[in-house]
N, C-alpha and C. Protein backbone atom coordinates (compact mmCIF):
# COMPACT_ATOMS: atom_id res chain seq x y z
N UNK A 1 98.27 92.44 91.51
CA UNK A 1 97.63 92.25 92.62
C UNK A 1 96.55 93.43 91.45
N UNK A 2 95.10 93.45 91.50
CA UNK A 2 94.28 94.42 91.23
C UNK A 2 93.97 94.78 91.98
N UNK A 3 94.25 96.43 90.96
CA UNK A 3 94.16 97.54 92.02
C UNK A 3 93.35 98.85 90.81
N UNK A 4 92.33 99.47 91.57
CA UNK A 4 91.17 100.00 90.87
C UNK A 4 91.65 101.23 90.95
N UNK A 5 91.63 102.04 90.41
CA UNK A 5 92.39 104.08 90.35
C UNK A 5 91.14 104.28 89.71
N UNK A 6 91.01 106.37 90.35
CA UNK A 6 89.91 106.69 89.97
C UNK A 6 90.64 107.83 90.51
N UNK A 7 89.77 109.33 89.71
CA UNK A 7 90.34 110.42 90.09
C UNK A 7 89.18 111.54 88.92
N UNK A 8 89.30 112.62 89.93
CA UNK A 8 88.98 113.69 89.56
C UNK A 8 89.96 114.33 88.26
N UNK A 9 89.53 115.88 88.18
CA UNK A 9 90.24 116.57 87.85
C UNK A 9 91.64 116.95 88.47
N UNK A 10 91.48 117.05 89.43
CA UNK A 10 92.11 117.68 90.76
C UNK A 10 93.40 116.71 90.49
N UNK A 11 93.16 115.39 90.04
CA UNK A 11 94.02 114.33 91.09
C UNK A 11 94.71 113.85 89.24
N UNK A 12 93.97 114.17 88.27
CA UNK A 12 94.15 113.12 86.97
C UNK A 12 94.97 113.10 86.56
N UNK A 13 96.14 113.80 86.68
CA UNK A 13 97.93 113.37 86.67
C UNK A 13 98.60 112.49 87.04
N UNK A 14 98.05 112.62 88.44
CA UNK A 14 98.54 111.96 89.50
C UNK A 14 98.52 110.52 88.88
N UNK A 15 96.71 110.19 88.73
CA UNK A 15 96.14 108.98 88.56
C UNK A 15 96.79 108.40 87.08
N UNK A 16 97.43 109.11 86.34
CA UNK A 16 97.80 108.93 84.88
C UNK A 16 99.19 108.25 85.25
N UNK A 17 99.90 108.96 86.04
CA UNK A 17 101.20 108.80 86.19
C UNK A 17 101.25 107.33 87.27
N UNK A 18 100.34 107.28 88.32
CA UNK A 18 100.99 106.11 89.14
C UNK A 18 100.08 105.17 88.32
N UNK A 19 99.00 105.16 87.73
CA UNK A 19 98.57 104.34 86.85
C UNK A 19 99.92 103.46 85.79
N UNK A 20 100.52 104.57 85.09
CA UNK A 20 101.76 103.84 84.41
C UNK A 20 102.84 102.73 84.90
N UNK A 21 102.87 103.58 86.00
CA UNK A 21 104.09 103.17 87.47
C UNK A 21 103.51 101.37 87.62
N UNK A 22 102.05 101.59 88.20
CA UNK A 22 101.61 99.98 88.58
C UNK A 22 101.93 99.53 87.28
N UNK A 23 101.16 99.43 86.82
CA UNK A 23 101.27 98.78 85.68
C UNK A 23 102.91 97.83 84.95
N UNK A 24 103.72 99.32 85.10
CA UNK A 24 105.27 98.76 84.65
C UNK A 24 105.74 98.11 86.18
N UNK A 25 104.93 97.92 87.10
CA UNK A 25 105.38 96.81 88.23
C UNK A 25 104.82 95.75 88.10
N UNK A 26 103.94 95.85 87.31
CA UNK A 26 103.32 94.39 87.07
C UNK A 26 101.93 94.12 87.58
N UNK A 27 101.32 95.15 88.18
CA UNK A 27 100.14 95.08 88.49
C UNK A 27 98.77 95.10 87.88
N UNK A 28 97.66 94.51 87.93
CA UNK A 28 96.50 94.57 87.15
C UNK A 28 96.28 95.71 87.63
N UNK A 29 95.69 96.92 86.99
CA UNK A 29 95.12 98.16 87.15
C UNK A 29 93.84 98.27 86.16
N UNK A 30 92.86 98.85 87.00
CA UNK A 30 91.64 99.02 86.12
C UNK A 30 91.51 100.54 86.67
N UNK A 31 91.68 101.63 85.63
CA UNK A 31 90.96 102.65 85.67
C UNK A 31 89.87 103.23 85.01
N UNK A 32 89.15 103.52 86.12
CA UNK A 32 87.44 103.83 86.13
C UNK A 32 87.28 105.16 85.78
N UNK A 33 88.20 105.69 85.65
CA UNK A 33 88.21 107.35 85.15
C UNK A 33 88.82 108.74 85.97
N UNK A 34 88.64 109.74 85.94
CA UNK A 34 88.43 110.38 84.25
C UNK A 34 89.27 109.69 83.32
N UNK A 35 88.61 109.64 82.31
CA UNK A 35 89.39 109.52 80.48
C UNK A 35 89.88 110.04 80.22
N UNK A 36 89.64 111.64 80.84
CA UNK A 36 90.47 113.01 80.65
C UNK A 36 90.13 114.13 81.15
N UNK A 37 91.15 114.88 81.15
CA UNK A 37 91.14 116.14 82.35
C UNK A 37 89.54 117.19 81.67
N UNK A 38 88.96 117.12 82.87
CA UNK A 38 87.64 117.73 82.64
C UNK A 38 87.33 118.44 84.00
N UNK A 39 87.26 120.11 83.92
CA UNK A 39 87.78 120.88 85.25
C UNK A 39 86.37 120.61 85.74
N UNK A 40 85.26 120.01 85.12
CA UNK A 40 83.50 120.62 85.66
C UNK A 40 83.66 118.82 86.06
N UNK A 41 84.57 118.06 86.42
CA UNK A 41 84.11 116.97 86.40
C UNK A 41 84.04 116.53 88.07
N UNK A 42 83.30 115.77 88.60
CA UNK A 42 83.31 115.74 90.58
C UNK A 42 83.65 114.63 90.75
N UNK A 43 84.44 114.30 92.34
CA UNK A 43 85.35 113.69 92.65
C UNK A 43 84.05 112.60 93.29
N UNK A 44 82.97 113.17 93.74
CA UNK A 44 82.16 111.85 94.25
C UNK A 44 81.86 110.65 92.96
N UNK A 45 81.67 111.04 91.75
CA UNK A 45 81.58 109.74 90.51
C UNK A 45 82.45 108.68 90.24
N UNK A 46 83.50 109.11 90.30
CA UNK A 46 85.17 108.36 90.58
C UNK A 46 85.31 107.58 91.99
N UNK A 47 84.93 108.31 92.99
CA UNK A 47 85.08 107.84 94.12
C UNK A 47 83.90 106.84 94.50
N UNK A 48 82.93 106.93 93.94
CA UNK A 48 81.63 105.84 94.19
C UNK A 48 82.20 104.68 93.59
N UNK A 49 82.38 104.73 92.25
CA UNK A 49 82.59 103.66 91.51
C UNK A 49 83.92 102.81 91.50
N UNK A 50 84.89 103.29 92.33
CA UNK A 50 85.92 103.02 93.08
C UNK A 50 85.62 101.47 94.13
N UNK A 51 85.05 102.86 94.58
CA UNK A 51 83.96 101.84 96.26
C UNK A 51 82.96 101.19 96.03
N UNK A 52 82.36 100.76 95.03
CA UNK A 52 81.63 100.01 94.39
C UNK A 52 82.24 98.59 94.46
N UNK A 53 83.45 98.94 93.74
CA UNK A 53 83.66 97.65 93.21
C UNK A 53 84.86 97.14 94.41
N UNK A 54 85.20 97.61 94.76
CA UNK A 54 85.96 97.18 96.63
C UNK A 54 85.11 96.47 97.24
N UNK A 55 83.82 97.16 96.74
CA UNK A 55 82.62 96.50 98.03
C UNK A 55 82.49 95.04 97.69
N UNK A 56 82.39 94.89 96.33
CA UNK A 56 82.55 94.05 96.07
C UNK A 56 83.44 92.63 95.66
N UNK A 57 84.39 92.79 95.97
CA UNK A 57 85.80 92.19 96.38
C UNK A 57 86.96 92.68 96.91
N UNK A 58 86.94 91.50 98.09
CA UNK A 58 87.82 91.82 99.57
C UNK A 58 88.94 91.82 98.91
N UNK A 59 89.24 90.94 97.88
CA UNK A 59 90.94 91.13 97.64
C UNK A 59 91.50 92.46 96.24
N UNK A 60 90.71 93.48 96.53
CA UNK A 60 90.80 94.41 95.68
C UNK A 60 91.47 95.26 96.71
N UNK A 61 92.32 96.33 95.79
CA UNK A 61 92.81 97.48 96.72
C UNK A 61 92.16 98.72 96.11
N UNK A 62 91.97 99.94 95.86
CA UNK A 62 91.41 101.25 95.30
C UNK A 62 92.59 102.18 95.75
N UNK A 63 92.69 103.18 94.36
CA UNK A 63 93.42 104.33 95.26
C UNK A 63 92.63 105.36 94.21
N UNK A 64 92.67 106.48 95.00
CA UNK A 64 92.17 107.64 95.33
C UNK A 64 92.46 108.80 94.19
N UNK A 65 92.75 109.78 93.61
CA UNK A 65 93.33 111.27 93.52
C UNK A 65 92.42 112.21 93.47
N UNK A 66 92.21 113.48 94.46
CA UNK A 66 91.98 114.52 94.08
C UNK A 66 92.61 115.56 94.83
N UNK A 67 92.36 116.70 94.85
CA UNK A 67 93.44 117.66 95.33
C UNK A 67 93.35 117.76 96.69
N UNK A 68 92.56 117.57 97.56
CA UNK A 68 93.00 117.11 98.93
C UNK A 68 92.82 115.95 99.57
N UNK A 69 92.73 114.85 98.84
CA UNK A 69 91.80 113.72 99.27
C UNK A 69 90.97 113.99 100.08
N UNK A 70 90.34 114.46 100.69
CA UNK A 70 88.74 114.59 101.05
C UNK A 70 87.83 113.98 100.79
N UNK A 71 87.53 114.59 99.90
CA UNK A 71 86.41 114.32 99.35
C UNK A 71 86.78 112.90 98.60
N UNK A 72 87.08 112.50 98.12
CA UNK A 72 87.37 110.63 97.65
C UNK A 72 87.32 110.47 98.77
N UNK A 73 87.99 110.14 99.67
CA UNK A 73 87.76 109.59 100.89
C UNK A 73 86.66 109.44 101.91
N UNK A 74 86.01 110.55 101.81
CA UNK A 74 84.27 110.88 102.46
C UNK A 74 83.52 109.73 101.75
N UNK A 75 83.99 110.13 100.14
CA UNK A 75 82.37 109.31 99.23
C UNK A 75 83.15 107.53 99.93
N UNK A 76 84.23 107.29 99.48
CA UNK A 76 84.48 106.44 99.57
C UNK A 76 84.03 105.31 100.83
N UNK A 77 83.93 106.14 102.15
CA UNK A 77 83.94 105.30 103.14
C UNK A 77 82.06 105.09 103.90
N UNK A 78 81.68 106.16 102.99
CA UNK A 78 79.64 106.15 102.21
C UNK A 78 79.86 104.42 101.99
N UNK A 79 80.51 103.70 101.30
CA UNK A 79 79.95 102.59 101.29
C UNK A 79 80.60 101.06 101.72
N UNK A 80 79.56 100.55 101.88
CA UNK A 80 80.10 99.21 102.97
C UNK A 80 81.24 98.18 103.00
N UNK A 81 81.95 97.88 103.64
CA UNK A 81 82.72 97.11 102.98
C UNK A 81 84.12 97.94 103.20
N UNK A 82 84.40 99.72 102.60
CA UNK A 82 85.06 100.43 102.14
C UNK A 82 85.91 101.06 103.24
N UNK A 83 87.25 101.21 103.21
CA UNK A 83 87.96 101.66 104.86
C UNK A 83 89.17 102.50 103.76
N UNK A 84 88.54 103.70 103.78
CA UNK A 84 89.47 104.53 103.07
C UNK A 84 90.30 105.45 103.63
N UNK A 85 91.57 105.42 103.62
CA UNK A 85 92.72 106.61 104.58
C UNK A 85 92.88 107.60 103.35
N UNK A 86 93.57 108.10 104.14
CA UNK A 86 93.98 109.56 104.00
C UNK A 86 95.70 109.40 103.47
N UNK A 87 96.25 109.52 102.43
CA UNK A 87 97.64 109.44 102.35
C UNK A 87 98.47 110.59 102.79
N UNK A 88 98.80 111.28 104.20
CA UNK A 88 99.51 112.40 104.24
C UNK A 88 101.03 112.05 105.08
N UNK A 89 101.12 110.96 105.39
CA UNK A 89 102.29 110.26 106.08
C UNK A 89 102.66 108.48 105.64
N UNK A 90 103.97 108.48 105.46
CA UNK A 90 104.23 107.33 105.14
C UNK A 90 103.92 106.18 106.50
N UNK A 91 103.88 106.88 107.76
CA UNK A 91 104.00 105.81 108.75
C UNK A 91 102.43 105.30 108.96
N UNK A 92 101.84 107.14 108.66
CA UNK A 92 100.15 106.65 108.68
C UNK A 92 99.88 105.60 108.12
N UNK A 93 99.99 105.53 107.19
CA UNK A 93 99.83 104.39 105.31
C UNK A 93 100.08 103.47 106.18
N UNK A 94 100.94 103.00 106.45
CA UNK A 94 101.26 101.69 107.26
C UNK A 94 100.28 101.45 108.45
N UNK A 95 100.41 102.32 109.47
CA UNK A 95 99.64 102.17 110.21
C UNK A 95 97.54 101.60 110.07
N UNK A 96 97.00 102.47 108.87
CA UNK A 96 96.18 102.28 108.25
C UNK A 96 96.07 100.97 107.26
N UNK A 97 96.93 100.39 106.99
CA UNK A 97 96.91 98.94 106.29
C UNK A 97 96.77 98.04 107.40
N UNK A 98 97.68 98.48 108.63
CA UNK A 98 98.48 97.58 109.96
C UNK A 98 97.15 96.87 110.49
N UNK A 99 96.78 98.38 111.08
CA UNK A 99 95.81 98.51 112.48
C UNK A 99 94.32 98.31 112.19
N UNK A 100 94.03 98.91 111.22
CA UNK A 100 92.59 99.02 110.06
C UNK A 100 92.24 98.50 108.95
N UNK A 101 93.32 97.88 108.10
CA UNK A 101 93.12 97.06 107.31
C UNK A 101 92.79 97.51 106.14
N UNK A 102 92.98 99.34 106.27
CA UNK A 102 92.16 99.96 104.77
C UNK A 102 92.69 99.66 103.72
N UNK A 103 91.36 99.47 102.84
CA UNK A 103 91.72 98.67 101.43
C UNK A 103 91.43 99.92 100.18
N UNK A 104 91.64 101.49 100.86
CA UNK A 104 91.44 102.22 99.69
C UNK A 104 92.91 103.20 100.06
N UNK A 105 93.31 103.81 99.25
CA UNK A 105 93.99 104.89 99.85
C UNK A 105 93.51 106.56 98.48
N UNK A 106 93.23 107.57 99.57
CA UNK A 106 92.93 108.49 98.66
C UNK A 106 94.19 109.56 98.53
N UNK A 107 94.81 110.15 97.50
CA UNK A 107 95.88 110.48 97.34
C UNK A 107 95.82 112.49 97.26
N UNK A 108 96.05 113.13 98.46
CA UNK A 108 95.75 114.78 97.85
C UNK A 108 96.84 114.91 97.00
N UNK A 109 96.25 115.17 95.67
CA UNK A 109 97.59 115.42 94.84
C UNK A 109 98.13 117.13 94.95
N UNK A 110 97.69 117.74 95.78
CA UNK A 110 98.33 119.15 95.74
C UNK A 110 98.79 119.69 96.65
N UNK A 111 99.37 118.35 97.88
CA UNK A 111 99.47 118.04 99.15
C UNK A 111 101.10 117.73 99.04
N UNK A 112 101.34 116.62 98.49
CA UNK A 112 102.23 115.78 98.02
C UNK A 112 103.04 116.01 96.43
N UNK A 113 104.36 115.12 96.47
CA UNK A 113 104.76 114.99 95.09
C UNK A 113 104.51 113.73 94.47
N UNK A 114 104.70 113.81 93.23
CA UNK A 114 104.49 112.08 92.34
C UNK A 114 104.89 111.12 93.34
N UNK A 115 106.32 111.50 93.46
CA UNK A 115 107.31 110.60 93.87
C UNK A 115 106.97 110.13 95.59
N UNK A 116 106.50 110.65 96.50
CA UNK A 116 105.79 110.57 97.95
C UNK A 116 104.41 110.33 97.45
N UNK A 117 103.58 110.65 96.61
CA UNK A 117 102.51 109.57 96.36
C UNK A 117 102.72 108.31 96.36
N UNK A 118 103.87 107.89 95.11
CA UNK A 118 104.44 107.01 94.89
C UNK A 118 104.34 106.07 95.67
N UNK A 119 105.55 106.75 96.64
CA UNK A 119 106.14 106.18 97.85
C UNK A 119 104.87 105.55 98.74
N UNK A 120 104.08 106.32 98.88
CA UNK A 120 103.06 105.71 99.69
C UNK A 120 101.68 104.73 98.87
N UNK A 121 101.66 104.67 97.82
CA UNK A 121 100.87 104.00 97.05
C UNK A 121 101.69 102.15 97.02
N UNK A 122 103.13 102.53 97.49
CA UNK A 122 103.86 101.13 97.88
C UNK A 122 103.63 100.84 98.84
N UNK A 123 103.68 101.20 99.99
CA UNK A 123 103.47 100.92 101.49
C UNK A 123 101.69 100.44 101.58
N UNK A 124 101.21 101.27 101.17
CA UNK A 124 99.42 100.51 100.75
C UNK A 124 99.65 99.21 100.54
N UNK A 125 100.50 98.65 99.46
CA UNK A 125 100.08 97.71 98.86
C UNK A 125 101.09 96.53 99.52
N UNK A 126 101.74 96.99 100.23
CA UNK A 126 103.02 96.26 100.30
C UNK A 126 102.55 95.67 101.87
N UNK A 127 101.90 96.29 102.92
CA UNK A 127 101.97 96.23 104.21
C UNK A 127 100.53 95.73 104.33
N UNK A 128 101.10 94.47 105.23
CA UNK A 128 99.62 93.54 105.42
C UNK A 128 98.84 94.09 106.76
N UNK A 129 97.53 93.62 106.76
CA UNK A 129 96.93 93.63 107.96
C UNK A 129 97.43 92.78 109.02
N UNK A 130 97.27 93.13 110.19
CA UNK A 130 98.37 92.47 111.29
C UNK A 130 97.52 91.52 112.39
N UNK A 131 96.08 91.60 111.55
CA UNK A 131 94.85 90.36 112.19
C UNK A 131 95.27 90.00 113.76
N UNK A 132 95.74 91.47 114.28
CA UNK A 132 95.67 91.24 115.63
C UNK A 132 94.39 91.15 116.41
N UNK A 133 93.78 90.28 117.38
CA UNK A 133 92.82 90.30 117.74
C UNK A 133 91.98 91.64 118.12
N UNK A 134 92.51 92.34 118.56
CA UNK A 134 91.51 93.76 118.91
C UNK A 134 91.39 94.62 117.88
N UNK A 135 92.53 94.08 116.52
CA UNK A 135 92.31 95.29 114.85
C UNK A 135 91.24 94.46 114.43
N UNK A 136 91.11 93.20 114.77
CA UNK A 136 89.65 92.43 114.15
C UNK A 136 88.37 92.23 114.92
N UNK A 137 88.65 92.95 115.71
CA UNK A 137 87.35 93.11 117.00
C UNK A 137 87.06 94.88 116.45
N UNK A 138 87.82 95.45 116.26
CA UNK A 138 87.52 96.86 115.88
C UNK A 138 86.79 96.92 114.33
N UNK A 139 87.17 95.89 113.34
CA UNK A 139 86.91 95.98 112.21
C UNK A 139 85.58 95.20 111.83
N UNK A 140 85.13 94.49 112.87
CA UNK A 140 83.93 93.98 113.31
C UNK A 140 82.83 94.53 113.68
N UNK A 141 83.35 95.57 114.18
CA UNK A 141 82.62 96.75 115.19
C UNK A 141 82.14 97.28 113.61
N UNK A 142 82.93 98.04 113.06
CA UNK A 142 82.51 99.27 111.86
C UNK A 142 81.62 97.90 110.90
N UNK A 143 82.05 96.86 110.91
CA UNK A 143 81.16 96.22 109.98
C UNK A 143 79.22 96.46 110.27
N UNK A 144 79.30 96.34 111.63
CA UNK A 144 77.79 96.55 112.32
C UNK A 144 77.40 97.72 112.28
N UNK A 145 78.04 99.12 112.27
CA UNK A 145 77.88 100.31 112.16
C UNK A 145 76.50 100.42 110.98
N UNK A 146 75.48 101.04 111.48
CA UNK A 146 73.98 101.30 111.09
C UNK A 146 73.32 102.16 111.49
N UNK A 147 73.57 103.34 111.30
CA UNK A 147 72.67 104.83 111.56
C UNK A 147 73.39 104.97 112.65
N UNK A 148 74.68 105.31 113.11
CA UNK A 148 75.44 105.78 114.20
C UNK A 148 75.38 104.33 115.23
N UNK A 149 74.68 103.03 115.30
CA UNK A 149 75.30 102.12 116.28
C UNK A 149 76.24 101.01 115.74
N UNK A 150 76.84 100.74 117.03
CA UNK A 150 78.03 99.92 116.91
C UNK A 150 77.74 98.38 116.97
N UNK A 151 75.96 98.25 117.71
CA UNK A 151 75.64 96.80 117.56
C UNK A 151 75.24 96.61 118.96
N UNK A 152 76.12 97.37 119.74
CA UNK A 152 76.55 97.12 120.98
C UNK A 152 75.32 97.80 121.90
N UNK A 153 74.71 98.32 121.07
CA UNK A 153 73.70 99.41 122.02
C UNK A 153 72.25 98.84 122.42
């Protein structure tokens, strides 16, 4: 599976470790940065790059890393076609894939151990979208949002 990853300084260490781990599992990992630990970098830059790649190719998955996970999640979700969830619980990650077809996962490195993060990334990559009609309907509604309207207004 091709996985696009990115992190600011707050998630840099986790990104580097998870990148090696994923490559060791045989995944094709594209790291869009940061390339080095820079305490003055901005999560927005890396999250936007990952999200941009995801919006162009539905087969890709993205994993973002920052201190609390919210900044990268918010940034990624501003890009059309990206559905980014926050990794705070294994079951929540599984439900995010199963019910909401999230294609990006934001890891809060200040609140998880590396092993917890790896476990949630595994769940994210292994869980399939259920394809249940009500979930497909909801995804369609999300795809029609523009300026706060779901298209049914």
